[in-house]
Amino acid sequence: MDTFTCFKTAGKIIQGGVSNFDVGQMTECLKHFPIVTNQVGYHLFDNRPEEEVADFCLENDMGVMAYGPMAHGLLTGTTTVDTKFEDDDWHRSLQAFGQPIFEGEHFLRNLERVDRLRSSASDKGYTVAQLALAWVIANLVVSVALAGTRRASEIEQNVEAANWDMPEDERELVRSIVTEN
């Protein structure tokens, strides 16, 4: 944190943020430097930040930058049971930041959930990727969702998702689709 202070004093930065910090780490950090955001993995299949990090960020006027809002590709709607990952693709490890979303039965069950989410999104005129992104953005503690794209059309779809004003009852309905067996 001394580095943050040095950079701020030198005029190199205005504010600072952290990535993947838990509550204890953020508490310690705040003793030395006023961080304004914590970048964490957050999506429908991994909502661990809601357990403690989100509340701490709200209480300390800190934003959350959510990476992986489409579950690292799983919620794009393009991953299937036949999807094969290249040898150098990190997805081959079958883990996404400690979550077995691409692994065996978890993967098959998650694909079934994606199909149910696709149906729910389609009923509203959206894609499953848009639903996933809108769900993350609708969390009041999320300041920004970091969504990767490969084509200009995906950027346009992400903007449409950002404009979807998803109320809390709809977020809970979406969550129930993911949590049911």
Protein backbone atom coordinates (compact mmCIF):
# COMPACT_ATOMS: atom_id res chain seq x y z
CA MET A 1 0.00 0.00 0.00
CA ASP A 2 3.02 2.27 0.42
CA THR A 3 3.42 2.11 -3.35
CA PHE A 4 -0.12 3.47 -3.81
CA THR A 5 0.70 6.35 -1.47
CA CYS A 6 3.95 7.11 -3.32
CA PHE A 7 2.18 7.09 -6.69
CA LYS A 8 -0.59 9.35 -5.39
CA THR A 9 1.90 11.79 -3.86
CA ALA A 10 3.78 11.86 -7.18
CA GLY A 11 0.55 12.60 -9.05
CA LYS A 12 0.71 9.31 -10.98
CA ILE A 13 -2.67 8.08 -9.71
CA ILE A 14 -5.78 9.70 -8.31
CA GLN A 15 -7.34 6.62 -6.73
CA GLY A 16 -6.51 2.97 -6.22
CA GLY A 17 -8.24 -0.36 -6.36
CA VAL A 18 -7.52 -3.98 -5.59
CA SER A 19 -8.29 -7.32 -7.17
CA ASN A 20 -9.63 -10.45 -5.48
CA PHE A 21 -9.19 -9.07 -1.97
CA ASP A 22 -11.22 -10.60 0.84
CA VAL A 23 -12.66 -8.54 3.71
CA GLY A 24 -9.56 -8.96 5.88
CA GLN A 25 -7.25 -7.79 3.12
CA MET A 26 -9.46 -4.79 2.30
CA THR A 27 -9.65 -3.84 5.98
CA GLU A 28 -5.86 -3.88 6.24
CA CYS A 29 -5.51 -1.97 2.98
CA LEU A 30 -7.89 0.78 4.12
CA LYS A 31 -5.61 1.46 7.10
CA HIS A 32 -2.99 2.69 4.63
CA PHE A 33 -4.78 3.87 1.48
CA PRO A 34 -8.37 4.68 0.48
CA ILE A 35 -9.19 2.05 -2.14
CA VAL A 36 -12.29 2.71 -4.22
CA THR A 37 -12.90 -0.64 -5.92
CA ASN A 38 -12.31 -4.37 -5.66
CA GLN A 39 -12.19 -6.40 -8.88
CA VAL A 40 -13.71 -9.85 -8.29
CA GLY A 41 -15.06 -12.75 -10.32
CA TYR A 42 -18.85 -12.63 -10.21
CA HIS A 43 -21.46 -14.42 -12.29
CA LEU A 44 -24.52 -16.61 -11.95
CA PHE A 45 -22.46 -19.72 -11.22
CA ASP A 46 -20.12 -17.98 -8.78
CA ASN A 47 -21.70 -15.44 -6.49
CA ARG A 48 -19.22 -15.87 -3.63
CA PRO A 49 -18.62 -12.09 -3.50
CA GLU A 50 -22.18 -11.70 -2.21
CA GLU A 51 -21.24 -13.59 0.96
CA GLU A 52 -19.06 -10.87 2.53
CA VAL A 53 -17.22 -8.77 -0.02
CA ALA A 54 -20.29 -6.99 -1.43
CA ASP A 55 -21.56 -5.87 1.98
CA PHE A 56 -18.11 -4.64 2.99
CA CYS A 57 -17.79 -2.68 -0.25
CA LEU A 58 -21.22 -1.08 0.25
CA GLU A 59 -20.44 -0.17 3.85
CA ASN A 60 -17.14 1.40 2.80
CA ASP A 61 -18.41 3.22 -0.30
CA MET A 62 -16.35 0.97 -2.54
CA GLY A 63 -17.40 -0.28 -5.95
CA VAL A 64 -17.09 -3.78 -7.35
CA MET A 65 -15.64 -4.44 -10.80
CA ALA A 66 -17.09 -7.81 -11.80
CA TYR A 67 -14.98 -9.88 -14.17
CA GLY A 68 -16.24 -13.02 -15.90
CA PRO A 69 -19.93 -11.99 -15.86
CA MET A 70 -20.68 -14.61 -18.50
CA ALA A 71 -19.03 -17.38 -16.49
CA HIS A 72 -15.92 -17.31 -18.65
CA GLY A 73 -17.91 -18.24 -21.76
CA LEU A 74 -20.34 -20.73 -20.26
CA LEU A 75 -23.18 -18.18 -20.21
CA THR A 76 -22.67 -16.98 -23.78
CA GLY A 77 -24.93 -19.75 -25.01
CA THR A 78 -22.29 -21.04 -27.41
CA THR A 79 -20.74 -23.72 -25.17
CA THR A 80 -22.17 -27.20 -25.68
CA VAL A 81 -21.52 -30.73 -24.45
CA ASP A 82 -19.40 -31.18 -27.61
CA THR A 83 -17.21 -28.14 -26.93
CA LYS A 84 -13.54 -29.11 -26.99
CA PHE A 85 -10.95 -26.83 -25.45
CA GLU A 86 -7.53 -26.49 -27.10
CA ASP A 87 -4.47 -27.79 -25.26
CA ASP A 88 -3.36 -24.26 -24.34
CA ASP A 89 -6.84 -23.12 -23.23
CA TRP A 90 -7.15 -22.60 -19.46
CA HIS A 91 -10.70 -24.02 -19.62
CA ARG A 92 -9.09 -27.48 -19.97
CA SER A 93 -8.26 -27.32 -16.28
CA LEU A 94 -12.05 -27.61 -15.84
CA GLN A 95 -11.91 -25.00 -13.09
CA ALA A 96 -12.79 -21.33 -13.27
CA PHE A 97 -11.16 -19.57 -10.33
CA GLY A 98 -11.73 -22.50 -7.99
CA GLN A 99 -15.21 -23.31 -9.26
CA PRO A 100 -15.72 -26.60 -11.16
CA ILE A 101 -18.15 -25.10 -13.69
CA PHE A 102 -16.54 -26.90 -16.64
CA GLU A 103 -15.98 -30.20 -14.81
CA GLY A 104 -17.89 -33.45 -15.42
CA GLU A 105 -21.37 -33.51 -13.92
CA HIS A 106 -21.09 -29.84 -12.92
CA PHE A 107 -20.55 -28.96 -16.58
CA LEU A 108 -23.52 -31.02 -17.78
CA ARG A 109 -25.79 -29.61 -15.08
CA ASN A 110 -24.63 -26.08 -15.89
CA LEU A 111 -25.40 -26.60 -19.58
CA GLU A 112 -28.94 -27.62 -18.60
CA ARG A 113 -29.20 -24.45 -16.53
CA VAL A 114 -27.98 -22.39 -19.46
CA ASP A 115 -30.76 -23.91 -21.58
CA ARG A 116 -33.35 -22.89 -18.97
CA LEU A 117 -31.83 -19.41 -18.77
CA ARG A 118 -31.89 -19.18 -22.57
CA SER A 119 -35.61 -19.87 -22.53
CA SER A 120 -36.22 -17.24 -19.85
CA ALA A 121 -34.12 -14.65 -21.72
CA SER A 122 -35.79 -15.45 -25.04
CA ASP A 123 -39.22 -14.84 -23.50
CA LYS A 124 -38.07 -11.26 -22.87
CA GLY A 125 -36.37 -10.81 -26.25
CA TYR A 126 -32.80 -11.20 -25.00
CA THR A 127 -29.98 -13.73 -25.34
CA VAL A 128 -28.67 -15.78 -22.44
CA ALA A 129 -25.46 -13.72 -22.52
CA GLN A 130 -27.49 -10.53 -22.16
CA LEU A 131 -29.42 -12.03 -19.27
CA ALA A 132 -26.19 -13.03 -17.52
CA LEU A 133 -24.67 -9.58 -17.96
CA ALA A 134 -27.86 -7.76 -16.92
CA TRP A 135 -28.09 -9.96 -13.81
CA VAL A 136 -24.58 -8.95 -12.72
CA ILE A 137 -25.09 -5.26 -13.49
CA ALA A 138 -28.39 -5.21 -11.59
CA ASN A 139 -26.53 -5.92 -8.34
CA LEU A 140 -26.37 -2.50 -6.70
CA VAL A 141 -22.80 -2.94 -5.49
CA VAL A 142 -21.49 -3.64 -9.01
CA SER A 143 -20.01 -0.50 -10.55
CA VAL A 144 -18.94 -2.14 -13.79
CA ALA A 145 -18.99 -5.56 -15.39
CA LEU A 146 -15.93 -6.46 -17.45
CA ALA A 147 -17.31 -8.39 -20.40
CA GLY A 148 -15.01 -9.60 -23.14
CA THR A 149 -16.07 -9.55 -26.77
CA ARG A 150 -14.78 -10.91 -30.06
CA ARG A 151 -17.08 -9.09 -32.47
CA ALA A 152 -18.66 -5.64 -32.76
CA SER A 153 -22.12 -7.24 -32.62
CA GLU A 154 -21.30 -8.54 -29.13
CA ILE A 155 -20.54 -5.00 -28.00
CA GLU A 156 -23.96 -3.91 -29.23
CA GLN A 157 -25.59 -6.83 -27.39
CA ASN A 158 -23.71 -5.92 -24.21
CA VAL A 159 -24.98 -2.34 -24.44
CA GLU A 160 -28.54 -3.69 -24.78
CA ALA A 161 -27.95 -5.84 -21.69
CA ALA A 162 -26.65 -2.83 -19.77
CA ASN A 163 -29.89 -1.02 -20.61
CA TRP A 164 -32.02 -3.89 -19.24
CA ASP A 165 -33.34 -2.59 -15.94
CA MET A 166 -33.67 -5.93 -14.14
CA PRO A 167 -35.66 -5.59 -10.90
CA GLU A 168 -34.70 -7.58 -7.81
CA ASP A 169 -37.61 -10.03 -8.12
CA GLU A 170 -36.44 -10.89 -11.64
CA ARG A 171 -32.85 -11.32 -10.38
CA GLU A 172 -34.16 -13.78 -7.80
CA LEU A 173 -36.13 -15.67 -10.45
CA VAL A 174 -32.96 -15.98 -12.55
CA ARG A 175 -31.00 -17.11 -9.49
CA SER A 176 -33.64 -19.77 -8.77
CA ILE A 177 -33.15 -21.21 -12.27
CA VAL A 178 -29.45 -21.63 -11.54
CA THR A 179 -29.85 -23.03 -8.03
CA GLU A 180 -32.56 -25.60 -8.72
CA ASN A 181 -31.36 -29.13 -9.42
